[in-house]
């Protein structure tokens, strides 16, 4: 973790080699930054930047080509919605007054 600045952004190293294996040398890691910004009353804009790909060394272009199509958050949004649903079903089975329980776990997909 390089930067943790909730709720605005997070930045971490991409410790994956050109062979798609764990890279143990931090000098050969690129960086991924995710920025969250309000985009209206019920929406959040998410900007993901993958930078310093050249740190992967000779052949870094293959890493760029592998990730250049972008990253879809659709799978993340679906997983988050499923998790909210599972938590809501679990919470319904608990007795009333359980401390620290938040029963309202609903959210619009645009809030992800």
PDB file of N, CA and C in Angstrom:
ATOM      1  N   UNK A   1       0.859  -1.162   0.000  1.00  0.00           N
ATOM      2  CA  UNK A   1       0.000   0.000   0.000  1.00  0.00           C
ATOM      3  C   UNK A   1       0.909   1.229   0.000  1.00  0.00           C
ATOM      4  N   UNK A   2       0.732   2.070  -0.995  1.00  0.00           N
ATOM      5  CA  UNK A   2       1.554   3.270  -1.105  1.00  0.00           C
ATOM      6  C   UNK A   2       0.844   4.495  -0.535  1.00  0.00           C
ATOM      7  N   UNK A   3      -0.453   4.592  -0.799  1.00  0.00           N
ATOM      8  CA  UNK A   3      -1.261   5.694  -0.280  1.00  0.00           C
ATOM      9  C   UNK A   3      -2.626   5.143   0.103  1.00  0.00           C
ATOM     10  N   UNK A   4      -3.075   5.509   1.292  1.00  0.00           N
ATOM     11  CA  UNK A   4      -4.428   5.158   1.725  1.00  0.00           C
ATOM     12  C   UNK A   4      -5.049   6.432   2.257  1.00  0.00           C
ATOM     13  N   UNK A   5      -5.937   7.022   1.478  1.00  0.00           N
ATOM     14  CA  UNK A   5      -6.526   8.327   1.793  1.00  0.00           C
ATOM     15  C   UNK A   5      -8.039   8.246   1.656  1.00  0.00           C
ATOM     16  N   UNK A   6      -8.707   7.493   2.579  1.00  0.00           N
ATOM     17  CA  UNK A   6     -10.153   7.351   2.456  1.00  0.00           C
ATOM     18  C   UNK A   6     -10.867   8.674   2.736  1.00  0.00           C
ATOM     19  N   UNK A   7     -11.932   8.954   2.087  1.00  0.00           N
ATOM     20  CA  UNK A   7     -12.598   8.127   1.076  1.00  0.00           C
ATOM     21  C   UNK A   7     -12.211   8.523  -0.337  1.00  0.00           C
ATOM     22  N   UNK A   8     -11.112   9.264  -0.496  1.00  0.00           N
ATOM     23  CA  UNK A   8     -10.769   9.830  -1.800  1.00  0.00           C
ATOM     24  C   UNK A   8      -9.960   8.918  -2.717  1.00  0.00           C
ATOM     25  N   UNK A   9      -8.922   8.266  -2.174  1.00  0.00           N
ATOM     26  CA  UNK A   9      -8.082   7.490  -3.090  1.00  0.00           C
ATOM     27  C   UNK A   9      -7.277   6.432  -2.362  1.00  0.00           C
ATOM     28  N   UNK A  10      -6.798   5.487  -3.158  1.00  0.00           N
ATOM     29  CA  UNK A  10      -5.898   4.448  -2.697  1.00  0.00           C
ATOM     30  C   UNK A  10      -4.889   4.204  -3.822  1.00  0.00           C
ATOM     31  N   UNK A  11      -3.663   3.954  -3.442  1.00  0.00           N
ATOM     32  CA  UNK A  11      -2.609   3.692  -4.426  1.00  0.00           C
ATOM     33  C   UNK A  11      -1.780   2.515  -3.905  1.00  0.00           C
ATOM     34  N   UNK A  12      -1.534   1.545  -4.775  1.00  0.00           N
ATOM     35  CA  UNK A  12      -0.756   0.380  -4.361  1.00  0.00           C
ATOM     36  C   UNK A  12       0.165  -0.049  -5.490  1.00  0.00           C
ATOM     37  N   UNK A  13       1.176  -0.822  -5.121  1.00  0.00           N
ATOM     38  CA  UNK A  13       2.125  -1.293  -6.128  1.00  0.00           C
ATOM     39  C   UNK A  13       1.580  -2.536  -6.828  1.00  0.00           C
ATOM     40  N   UNK A  14       1.926  -2.642  -8.102  1.00  0.00           N
ATOM     41  CA  UNK A  14       1.554  -3.796  -8.931  1.00  0.00           C
ATOM     42  C   UNK A  14       2.792  -4.676  -8.980  1.00  0.00           C
ATOM     43  N   UNK A  15       2.880  -5.603  -8.041  1.00  0.00           N
ATOM     44  CA  UNK A  15       4.064  -6.442  -7.872  1.00  0.00           C
ATOM     45  C   UNK A  15       3.946  -7.727  -8.685  1.00  0.00           C
ATOM     46  N   UNK A  16       3.684  -7.553  -9.968  1.00  0.00           N
ATOM     47  CA  UNK A  16       3.540  -8.677 -10.884  1.00  0.00           C
ATOM     48  C   UNK A  16       4.593  -8.508 -11.978  1.00  0.00           C
ATOM     49  N   UNK A  17       5.349  -9.559 -12.228  1.00  0.00           N
ATOM     50  CA  UNK A  17       6.402  -9.495 -13.244  1.00  0.00           C
ATOM     51  C   UNK A  17       5.809  -9.654 -14.640  1.00  0.00           C
ATOM     52  N   UNK A  18       6.643  -9.500 -15.637  1.00  0.00           N
ATOM     53  CA  UNK A  18       6.207  -9.696 -17.016  1.00  0.00           C
ATOM     54  C   UNK A  18       5.820 -11.139 -17.295  1.00  0.00           C
ATOM     55  N   UNK A  19       6.238 -12.064 -16.421  1.00  0.00           N
ATOM     56  CA  UNK A  19       5.851 -13.484 -16.538  1.00  0.00           C
ATOM     57  C   UNK A  19       4.581 -13.752 -15.733  1.00  0.00           C
ATOM     58  N   UNK A  20       3.935 -12.689 -15.227  1.00  0.00           N
ATOM     59  CA  UNK A  20       2.721 -12.767 -14.423  1.00  0.00           C
ATOM     60  C   UNK A  20       2.944 -13.574 -13.149  1.00  0.00           C
ATOM     61  N   UNK A  21       4.107 -13.352 -12.550  1.00  0.00           N
ATOM     62  CA  UNK A  21       4.465 -13.957 -11.274  1.00  0.00           C
ATOM     63  C   UNK A  21       4.746 -12.843 -10.280  1.00  0.00           C
ATOM     64  N   UNK A  22       4.783 -13.173  -8.988  1.00  0.00           N
ATOM     65  CA  UNK A  22       5.073 -12.191  -7.959  1.00  0.00           C
ATOM     66  C   UNK A  22       6.442 -11.563  -8.188  1.00  0.00           C
ATOM     67  N   UNK A  23       6.495 -10.239  -8.164  1.00  0.00           N
ATOM     68  CA  UNK A  23       7.749  -9.503  -8.334  1.00  0.00           C
ATOM     69  C   UNK A  23       8.228  -9.065  -6.954  1.00  0.00           C
ATOM     70  N   UNK A  24       9.393  -9.544  -6.532  1.00  0.00           N
ATOM     71  CA  UNK A  24       9.890  -9.236  -5.189  1.00  0.00           C
ATOM     72  C   UNK A  24      10.697  -7.938  -5.124  1.00  0.00           C
ATOM     73  N   UNK A  25      11.093  -7.381  -6.263  1.00  0.00           N
ATOM     74  CA  UNK A  25      11.871  -6.147  -6.291  1.00  0.00           C
ATOM     75  C   UNK A  25      10.932  -4.953  -6.463  1.00  0.00           C
ATOM     76  N   UNK A  26      10.757  -4.127  -5.408  1.00  0.00           N
ATOM     77  CA  UNK A  26       9.837  -2.985  -5.508  1.00  0.00           C
ATOM     78  C   UNK A  26      10.209  -1.998  -6.623  1.00  0.00           C
ATOM     79  N   UNK A  27      11.480  -1.951  -7.002  1.00  0.00           N
ATOM     80  CA  UNK A  27      11.905  -1.045  -8.066  1.00  0.00           C
ATOM     81  C   UNK A  27      11.366  -1.478  -9.429  1.00  0.00           C
ATOM     82  N   UNK A  28      10.890  -2.717  -9.534  1.00  0.00           N
ATOM     83  CA  UNK A  28      10.346  -3.233 -10.792  1.00  0.00           C
ATOM     84  C   UNK A  28       8.828  -3.317 -10.778  1.00  0.00           C
ATOM     85  N   UNK A  29       8.201  -2.628  -9.820  1.00  0.00           N
ATOM     86  CA  UNK A  29       6.741  -2.662  -9.699  1.00  0.00           C
ATOM     87  C   UNK A  29       6.140  -1.368 -10.241  1.00  0.00           C
ATOM     88  N   UNK A  30       5.045  -1.493 -10.951  1.00  0.00           N
ATOM     89  CA  UNK A  30       4.300  -0.307 -11.378  1.00  0.00           C
ATOM     90  C   UNK A  30       3.323   0.063 -10.263  1.00  0.00           C
ATOM     91  N   UNK A  31       2.535   1.102 -10.476  1.00  0.00           N
ATOM     92  CA  UNK A  31       1.611   1.573  -9.454  1.00  0.00           C
ATOM     93  C   UNK A  31       0.204   1.663 -10.006  1.00  0.00           C
ATOM     94  N   UNK A  32      -0.748   1.378  -9.157  1.00  0.00           N
ATOM     95  CA  UNK A  32      -2.157   1.527  -9.492  1.00  0.00           C
ATOM     96  C   UNK A  32      -2.758   2.507  -8.493  1.00  0.00           C
ATOM     97  N   UNK A  33      -3.415   3.528  -9.026  1.00  0.00           N
ATOM     98  CA  UNK A  33      -4.097   4.509  -8.189  1.00  0.00           C
ATOM     99  C   UNK A  33      -5.576   4.484  -8.536  1.00  0.00           C
ATOM    100  N   UNK A  34      -6.423   4.451  -7.512  1.00  0.00           N
ATOM    101  CA  UNK A  34      -7.863   4.493  -7.693  1.00  0.00           C
ATOM    102  C   UNK A  34      -8.371   5.724  -6.955  1.00  0.00           C
ATOM    103  N   UNK A  35      -9.038   6.598  -7.700  1.00  0.00           N
ATOM    104  CA  UNK A  35      -9.562   7.843  -7.138  1.00  0.00           C
ATOM    105  C   UNK A  35     -11.080   7.796  -7.206  1.00  0.00           C
ATOM    106  N   UNK A  36     -11.725   8.164  -6.098  1.00  0.00           N
ATOM    107  CA  UNK A  36     -13.187   8.206  -5.997  1.00  0.00           C
ATOM    108  C   UNK A  36     -13.602   9.664  -5.850  1.00  0.00           C
ATOM    109  N   UNK A  37     -14.517  10.114  -6.705  1.00  0.00           N
ATOM    110  CA  UNK A  37     -14.968  11.506  -6.656  1.00  0.00           C
ATOM    111  C   UNK A  37     -16.481  11.549  -6.830  1.00  0.00           C
ATOM    112  N   UNK A  38     -17.156  12.414  -6.066  1.00  0.00           N
ATOM    113  CA  UNK A  38     -18.602  12.552  -6.243  1.00  0.00           C
ATOM    114  C   UNK A  38     -18.926  12.959  -7.673  1.00  0.00           C
ATOM    115  N   UNK A  39     -19.986  12.389  -8.196  1.00  0.00           N
ATOM    116  CA  UNK A  39     -20.440  12.694  -9.551  1.00  0.00           C
ATOM    117  C   UNK A  39     -21.960  12.815  -9.515  1.00  0.00           C
ATOM    118  N   UNK A  40     -22.436  13.770  -8.759  1.00  0.00           N
ATOM    119  CA  UNK A  40     -23.870  13.942  -8.555  1.00  0.00           C
ATOM    120  C   UNK A  40     -24.265  13.450  -7.175  1.00  0.00           C
ATOM    121  N   UNK A  41     -25.532  13.568  -6.857  1.00  0.00           N
ATOM    122  CA  UNK A  41     -25.983  13.239  -5.499  1.00  0.00           C
ATOM    123  C   UNK A  41     -25.947  11.747  -5.151  1.00  0.00           C
ATOM    124  N   UNK A  42     -26.013  10.882  -6.133  1.00  0.00           N
ATOM    125  CA  UNK A  42     -26.066   9.440  -5.845  1.00  0.00           C
ATOM    126  C   UNK A  42     -25.099   8.646  -6.712  1.00  0.00           C
ATOM    127  N   UNK A  43     -24.040   9.297  -7.183  1.00  0.00           N
ATOM    128  CA  UNK A  43     -23.090   8.611  -8.066  1.00  0.00           C
ATOM    129  C   UNK A  43     -21.668   8.913  -7.611  1.00  0.00           C
ATOM    130  N   UNK A  44     -20.791   7.985  -7.916  1.00  0.00           N
ATOM    131  CA  UNK A  44     -19.365   8.162  -7.644  1.00  0.00           C
ATOM    132  C   UNK A  44     -18.598   7.852  -8.913  1.00  0.00           C
ATOM    133  N   UNK A  45     -17.699   8.740  -9.276  1.00  0.00           N
ATOM    134  CA  UNK A  45     -16.820   8.504 -10.425  1.00  0.00           C
ATOM    135  C   UNK A  45     -15.572   7.806  -9.908  1.00  0.00           C
ATOM    136  N   UNK A  46     -15.199   6.706 -10.551  1.00  0.00           N
ATOM    137  CA  UNK A  46     -14.014   5.950 -10.174  1.00  0.00           C
ATOM    138  C   UNK A  46     -13.017   6.038 -11.317  1.00  0.00           C
ATOM    139  N   UNK A  47     -11.812   6.530 -11.012  1.00  0.00           N
ATOM    140  CA  UNK A  47     -10.766   6.645 -12.029  1.00  0.00           C
ATOM    141  C   UNK A  47      -9.599   5.768 -11.594  1.00  0.00           C
ATOM    142  N   UNK A  48      -9.246   4.808 -12.432  1.00  0.00           N
ATOM    143  CA  UNK A  48      -8.153   3.899 -12.155  1.00  0.00           C
ATOM    144  C   UNK A  48      -7.009   4.231 -13.110  1.00  0.00           C
ATOM    145  N   UNK A  49      -5.836   4.464 -12.548  1.00  0.00           N
ATOM    146  CA  UNK A  49      -4.651   4.778 -13.351  1.00  0.00           C
ATOM    147  C   UNK A  49      -3.557   3.770 -13.035  1.00  0.00           C
ATOM    148  N   UNK A  50      -3.029   3.135 -14.072  1.00  0.00           N
ATOM    149  CA  UNK A  50      -1.903   2.209 -13.928  1.00  0.00           C
ATOM    150  C   UNK A  50      -0.695   2.904 -14.539  1.00  0.00           C
ATOM    151  N   UNK A  51       0.268   3.272 -13.698  1.00  0.00           N
ATOM    152  CA  UNK A  51       1.400   4.073 -14.175  1.00  0.00           C
ATOM    153  C   UNK A  51       2.745   3.414 -13.846  1.00  0.00           C
ATOM    154  N   UNK A  52       3.780   3.946 -14.474  1.00  0.00           N
ATOM    155  CA  UNK A  52       5.168   3.484 -14.309  1.00  0.00           C
ATOM    156  C   UNK A  52       5.361   2.046 -14.798  1.00  0.00           C
ATOM    157  N   UNK A  53       4.666   1.703 -15.875  1.00  0.00           N
ATOM    158  CA  UNK A  53       4.817   0.364 -16.439  1.00  0.00           C
ATOM    159  C   UNK A  53       6.244   0.098 -16.908  1.00  0.00           C
ATOM    160  N   UNK A  54       6.957   1.150 -17.253  1.00  0.00           N
ATOM    161  CA  UNK A  54       8.337   0.985 -17.721  1.00  0.00           C
ATOM    162  C   UNK A  54       9.249   0.404 -16.640  1.00  0.00           C
ATOM    163  N   UNK A  55       8.845   0.479 -15.378  1.00  0.00           N
ATOM    164  CA  UNK A  55       9.655  -0.093 -14.294  1.00  0.00           C
ATOM    165  C   UNK A  55       9.768  -1.618 -14.402  1.00  0.00           C
ATOM    166  N   UNK A  56       8.897  -2.230 -15.191  1.00  0.00           N
ATOM    167  CA  UNK A  56       8.949  -3.682 -15.346  1.00  0.00           C
ATOM    168  C   UNK A  56      10.138  -4.115 -16.200  1.00  0.00           C
ATOM    169  N   UNK A  57      10.848  -3.152 -16.783  1.00  0.00           N
ATOM    170  CA  UNK A  57      12.061  -3.468 -17.534  1.00  0.00           C
ATOM    171  C   UNK A  57      11.809  -3.768 -18.999  1.00  0.00           C
ATOM    172  N   UNK A  58      12.844  -4.325 -19.645  1.00  0.00           N
ATOM    173  CA  UNK A  58      12.746  -4.653 -21.071  1.00  0.00           C
ATOM    174  C   UNK A  58      11.526  -5.521 -21.315  1.00  0.00           C
ATOM    175  N   UNK A  59      10.734  -5.125 -22.287  1.00  0.00           N
ATOM    176  CA  UNK A  59       9.526  -5.857 -22.612  1.00  0.00           C
ATOM    177  C   UNK A  59       8.299  -5.348 -21.862  1.00  0.00           C
ATOM    178  N   UNK A  60       8.431  -4.209 -21.173  1.00  0.00           N
ATOM    179  CA  UNK A  60       7.306  -3.662 -20.404  1.00  0.00           C
ATOM    180  C   UNK A  60       6.074  -3.424 -21.267  1.00  0.00           C
ATOM    181  N   UNK A  61       6.301  -3.248 -22.567  1.00  0.00           N
ATOM    182  CA  UNK A  61       5.177  -3.006 -23.476  1.00  0.00           C
ATOM    183  C   UNK A  61       4.174  -4.168 -23.465  1.00  0.00           C
ATOM    184  N   UNK A  62       4.658  -5.380 -23.193  1.00  0.00           N
ATOM    185  CA  UNK A  62       3.743  -6.525 -23.141  1.00  0.00           C
ATOM    186  C   UNK A  62       2.775  -6.390 -21.962  1.00  0.00           C
ATOM    187  N   UNK A  63       3.234  -5.810 -20.865  1.00  0.00           N
ATOM    188  CA  UNK A  63       2.350  -5.555 -19.723  1.00  0.00           C
ATOM    189  C   UNK A  63       1.332  -4.481 -20.099  1.00  0.00           C
ATOM    190  N   UNK A  64       1.806  -3.429 -20.741  1.00  0.00           N
ATOM    191  CA  UNK A  64       0.899  -2.360 -21.188  1.00  0.00           C
ATOM    192  C   UNK A  64      -0.175  -2.917 -22.113  1.00  0.00           C
ATOM    193  N   UNK A  65       0.256  -3.743 -23.073  1.00  0.00           N
ATOM    194  CA  UNK A  65      -0.695  -4.299 -24.025  1.00  0.00           C
ATOM    195  C   UNK A  65      -1.710  -5.216 -23.341  1.00  0.00           C
ATOM    196  N   UNK A  66      -1.276  -5.920 -22.292  1.00  0.00           N
ATOM    197  CA  UNK A  66      -2.168  -6.843 -21.595  1.00  0.00           C
ATOM    198  C   UNK A  66      -3.246  -6.113 -20.800  1.00  0.00           C
ATOM    199  N   UNK A  67      -2.938  -4.912 -20.311  1.00  0.00           N
ATOM    200  CA  UNK A  67      -3.897  -4.196 -19.460  1.00  0.00           C
ATOM    201  C   UNK A  67      -4.500  -2.961 -20.116  1.00  0.00           C
ATOM    202  N   UNK A  68      -4.112  -2.654 -21.354  1.00  0.00           N
ATOM    203  CA  UNK A  68      -4.522  -1.388 -21.956  1.00  0.00           C
ATOM    204  C   UNK A  68      -6.011  -1.298 -22.276  1.00  0.00           C
ATOM    205  N   UNK A  69      -6.699  -2.412 -22.353  1.00  0.00           N
ATOM    206  CA  UNK A  69      -8.126  -2.378 -22.655  1.00  0.00           C
ATOM    207  C   UNK A  69      -8.928  -1.804 -21.497  1.00  0.00           C
ATOM    208  N   UNK A  70      -8.290  -1.642 -20.348  1.00  0.00           N
ATOM    209  CA  UNK A  70      -8.985  -1.084 -19.192  1.00  0.00           C
ATOM    210  C   UNK A  70      -9.471  -2.170 -18.267  1.00  0.00           C
ATOM    211  N   UNK A  71      -9.978  -1.716 -17.157  1.00  0.00           N
ATOM    212  CA  UNK A  71     -10.465  -2.636 -16.137  1.00  0.00           C
ATOM    213  C   UNK A  71     -11.939  -2.373 -15.941  1.00  0.00           C
ATOM    214  N   UNK A  72     -12.740  -3.380 -16.064  1.00  0.00           N
ATOM    215  CA  UNK A  72     -14.172  -3.246 -15.871  1.00  0.00           C
ATOM    216  C   UNK A  72     -14.515  -3.426 -14.399  1.00  0.00           C
ATOM    217  N   UNK A  73     -15.352  -2.552 -13.899  1.00  0.00           N
ATOM    218  CA  UNK A  73     -15.818  -2.676 -12.520  1.00  0.00           C
ATOM    219  C   UNK A  73     -17.171  -3.382 -12.461  1.00  0.00           C
ATOM    220  N   UNK A  74     -17.650  -3.885 -13.602  1.00  0.00           N
ATOM    221  CA  UNK A  74     -18.942  -4.561 -13.611  1.00  0.00           C
ATOM    222  C   UNK A  74     -18.947  -5.789 -12.707  1.00  0.00           C
ATOM    223  N   UNK A  75     -17.887  -6.577 -12.734  1.00  0.00           N
ATOM    224  CA  UNK A  75     -17.827  -7.768 -11.885  1.00  0.00           C
ATOM    225  C   UNK A  75     -17.784  -7.359 -10.414  1.00  0.00           C
ATOM    226  N   UNK A  76     -17.047  -6.289 -10.106  1.00  0.00           N
ATOM    227  CA  UNK A  76     -17.004  -5.800  -8.729  1.00  0.00           C
ATOM    228  C   UNK A  76     -18.384  -5.345  -8.275  1.00  0.00           C
ATOM    229  N   UNK A  77     -19.086  -4.605  -9.123  1.00  0.00           N
ATOM    230  CA  UNK A  77     -20.424  -4.117  -8.770  1.00  0.00           C
ATOM    231  C   UNK A  77     -21.373  -5.282  -8.525  1.00  0.00           C
ATOM    232  N   UNK A  78     -21.298  -6.316  -9.344  1.00  0.00           N
ATOM    233  CA  UNK A  78     -22.163  -7.482  -9.161  1.00  0.00           C
ATOM    234  C   UNK A  78     -21.820  -8.205  -7.859  1.00  0.00           C
ATOM    235  N   UNK A  79     -20.535  -8.341  -7.553  1.00  0.00           N
ATOM    236  CA  UNK A  79     -20.127  -9.006  -6.308  1.00  0.00           C
ATOM    237  C   UNK A  79     -20.564  -8.195  -5.093  1.00  0.00           C
ATOM    238  N   UNK A  80     -20.443  -6.866  -5.168  1.00  0.00           N
ATOM    239  CA  UNK A  80     -20.866  -6.013  -4.055  1.00  0.00           C
ATOM    240  C   UNK A  80     -22.367  -6.122  -3.839  1.00  0.00           C
ATOM    241  N   UNK A  81     -23.144  -6.148  -4.907  1.00  0.00           N
ATOM    242  CA  UNK A  81     -24.593  -6.277  -4.793  1.00  0.00           C
ATOM    243  C   UNK A  81     -24.958  -7.631  -4.182  1.00  0.00           C
ATOM    244  N   UNK A  82     -24.282  -8.694  -4.587  1.00  0.00           N
ATOM    245  CA  UNK A  82     -24.549 -10.021  -4.030  1.00  0.00           C
ATOM    246  C   UNK A  82     -24.187 -10.063  -2.552  1.00  0.00           C
ATOM    247  N   UNK A  83     -23.079  -9.423  -2.185  1.00  0.00           N
ATOM    248  CA  UNK A  83     -22.668  -9.397  -0.777  1.00  0.00           C
ATOM    249  C   UNK A  83     -23.686  -8.640   0.067  1.00  0.00           C
ATOM    250  N   UNK A  84     -24.174  -7.493  -0.446  1.00  0.00           N
ATOM    251  CA  UNK A  84     -25.190  -6.729   0.298  1.00  0.00           C
ATOM    252  C   UNK A  84     -26.434  -7.575   0.508  1.00  0.00           C
ATOM    253  N   UNK A  85     -26.828  -8.306  -0.522  1.00  0.00           N
ATOM    254  CA  UNK A  85     -28.015  -9.156  -0.439  1.00  0.00           C
ATOM    255  C   UNK A  85     -27.813 -10.261   0.593  1.00  0.00           C
ATOM    256  N   UNK A  86     -26.646 -10.886   0.593  1.00  0.00           N
ATOM    257  CA  UNK A  86     -26.354 -11.959   1.544  1.00  0.00           C
ATOM    258  C   UNK A  86     -26.339 -11.428   2.971  1.00  0.00           C
ATOM    259  N   UNK A  87     -25.756 -10.255   3.185  1.00  0.00           N
ATOM    260  CA  UNK A  87     -25.723  -9.656   4.523  1.00  0.00           C
ATOM    261  C   UNK A  87     -27.133  -9.321   4.974  1.00  0.00           C
ATOM    262  N   UNK A  88     -27.949  -8.806   4.086  1.00  0.00           N
ATOM    263  CA  UNK A  88     -29.336  -8.462   4.441  1.00  0.00           C
ATOM    264  C   UNK A  88     -30.104  -9.719   4.844  1.00  0.00           C
ATOM    265  N   UNK A  89     -29.929 -10.822   4.093  1.00  0.00           N
ATOM    266  CA  UNK A  89     -30.618 -12.071   4.444  1.00  0.00           C
ATOM    267  C   UNK A  89     -30.134 -12.594   5.786  1.00  0.00           C
ATOM    268  N   UNK A  90     -28.839 -12.494   6.037  1.00  0.00           N
ATOM    269  CA  UNK A  90     -28.265 -12.933   7.313  1.00  0.00           C
ATOM    270  C   UNK A  90     -28.809 -12.083   8.455  1.00  0.00           C
ATOM    271  N   UNK A  91     -28.865 -10.753   8.264  1.00  0.00           N
ATOM    272  CA  UNK A  91     -29.313  -9.838   9.310  1.00  0.00           C
ATOM    273  C   UNK A  91     -30.783 -10.073   9.657  1.00  0.00           C
ATOM    274  N   UNK A  92     -31.574 -10.459   8.691  1.00  0.00           N
ATOM    275  CA  UNK A  92     -32.997 -10.711   8.948  1.00  0.00           C
ATOM    276  C   UNK A  92     -33.199 -11.849   9.939  1.00  0.00           C
ATOM    277  N   UNK A  93     -32.273 -12.772  10.005  1.00  0.00           N
ATOM    278  CA  UNK A  93     -32.406 -13.908  10.908  1.00  0.00           C
ATOM    279  C   UNK A  93     -31.906 -13.653  12.315  1.00  0.00           C
ATOM    280  N   UNK A  94     -31.313 -12.496  12.565  1.00  0.00           N
ATOM    281  CA  UNK A  94     -30.788 -12.187  13.892  1.00  0.00           C
ATOM    282  C   UNK A  94     -31.880 -11.636  14.795  1.00  0.00           C
ATOM    283  N   UNK A  95     -31.762 -11.860  16.101  1.00  0.00           N
ATOM    284  CA  UNK A  95     -32.734 -11.274  17.021  1.00  0.00           C
ATOM    285  C   UNK A  95     -32.601  -9.755  17.051  1.00  0.00           C
ATOM    286  N   UNK A  96     -33.703  -9.045  17.375  1.00  0.00           N
ATOM    287  CA  UNK A  96     -33.633  -7.584  17.436  1.00  0.00           C
ATOM    288  C   UNK A  96     -32.665  -7.131  18.522  1.00  0.00           C
ATOM    289  N   UNK A  97     -32.057  -5.977  18.294  1.00  0.00           N
ATOM    290  CA  UNK A  97     -31.197  -5.373  19.306  1.00  0.00           C
ATOM    291  C   UNK A  97     -29.775  -5.882  19.329  1.00  0.00           C
ATOM    292  N   UNK A  98     -29.334  -6.611  18.309  1.00  0.00           N
ATOM    293  CA  UNK A  98     -27.946  -7.056  18.265  1.00  0.00           C
ATOM    294  C   UNK A  98     -27.077  -5.819  18.097  1.00  0.00           C
ATOM    295  N   UNK A  99     -26.152  -5.555  19.047  1.00  0.00           N
ATOM    296  CA  UNK A  99     -25.370  -4.315  18.983  1.00  0.00           C
ATOM    297  C   UNK A  99     -24.465  -4.255  17.754  1.00  0.00           C
ATOM    298  N   UNK A 100     -24.368  -3.053  17.198  1.00  0.00           N
ATOM    299  CA  UNK A 100     -23.456  -2.806  16.093  1.00  0.00           C
ATOM    300  C   UNK A 100     -23.929  -3.315  14.746  1.00  0.00           C
ATOM    301  N   UNK A 101     -25.148  -3.809  14.665  1.00  0.00           N
ATOM    302  CA  UNK A 101     -25.638  -4.353  13.406  1.00  0.00           C
ATOM    303  C   UNK A 101     -26.316  -3.263  12.591  1.00  0.00           C
ATOM    304  N   UNK A 102     -25.935  -3.157  11.355  1.00  0.00           N
ATOM    305  CA  UNK A 102     -26.586  -2.226  10.443  1.00  0.00           C
ATOM    306  C   UNK A 102     -27.456  -3.061   9.529  1.00  0.00           C
ATOM    307  N   UNK A 103     -28.758  -2.901   9.654  1.00  0.00           N
ATOM    308  CA  UNK A 103     -29.656  -3.725   8.853  1.00  0.00           C
ATOM    309  C   UNK A 103     -29.916  -3.142   7.480  1.00  0.00           C
ATOM    310  N   UNK A 104     -29.760  -1.832   7.304  1.00  0.00           N
ATOM    311  CA  UNK A 104     -30.013  -1.231   6.004  1.00  0.00           C
ATOM    312  C   UNK A 104     -28.740  -1.315   5.178  1.00  0.00           C
ATOM    313  N   UNK A 105     -28.623  -2.345   4.377  1.00  0.00           N
ATOM    314  CA  UNK A 105     -27.440  -2.531   3.550  1.00  0.00           C
ATOM    315  C   UNK A 105     -27.747  -2.319   2.080  1.00  0.00           C
ATOM    316  N   UNK A 106     -28.899  -1.725   1.795  1.00  0.00           N
ATOM    317  CA  UNK A 106     -29.259  -1.505   0.399  1.00  0.00           C
ATOM    318  C   UNK A 106     -28.492  -0.308  -0.147  1.00  0.00           C
ATOM    319  N   UNK A 107     -28.221  -0.342  -1.432  1.00  0.00           N
ATOM    320  CA  UNK A 107     -27.550   0.766  -2.107  1.00  0.00           C
ATOM    321  C   UNK A 107     -27.833   0.660  -3.585  1.00  0.00           C
ATOM    322  N   UNK A 108     -27.900   1.791  -4.217  1.00  0.00           N
ATOM    323  CA  UNK A 108     -28.079   1.836  -5.653  1.00  0.00           C
ATOM    324  C   UNK A 108     -26.762   1.436  -6.310  1.00  0.00           C
ATOM    325  N   UNK A 109     -26.814   0.704  -7.404  1.00  0.00           N
ATOM    326  CA  UNK A 109     -25.592   0.281  -8.096  1.00  0.00           C
ATOM    327  C   UNK A 109     -24.770   1.476  -8.523  1.00  0.00           C
ATOM    328  N   UNK A 110     -25.397   2.634  -8.754  1.00  0.00           N
ATOM    329  CA  UNK A 110     -24.658   3.823  -9.140  1.00  0.00           C
ATOM    330  C   UNK A 110     -23.768   4.346  -8.010  1.00  0.00           C
ATOM    331  N   UNK A 111     -24.007   3.900  -6.776  1.00  0.00           N
ATOM    332  CA  UNK A 111     -23.199   4.358  -5.661  1.00  0.00           C
ATOM    333  C   UNK A 111     -21.888   3.608  -5.557  1.00  0.00           C
ATOM    334  N   UNK A 112     -21.729   2.542  -6.316  1.00  0.00           N
ATOM    335  CA  UNK A 112     -20.499   1.760  -6.249  1.00  0.00           C
ATOM    336  C   UNK A 112     -19.365   2.458  -6.920  1.00  0.00           C
TER     337      UNK A 112
END
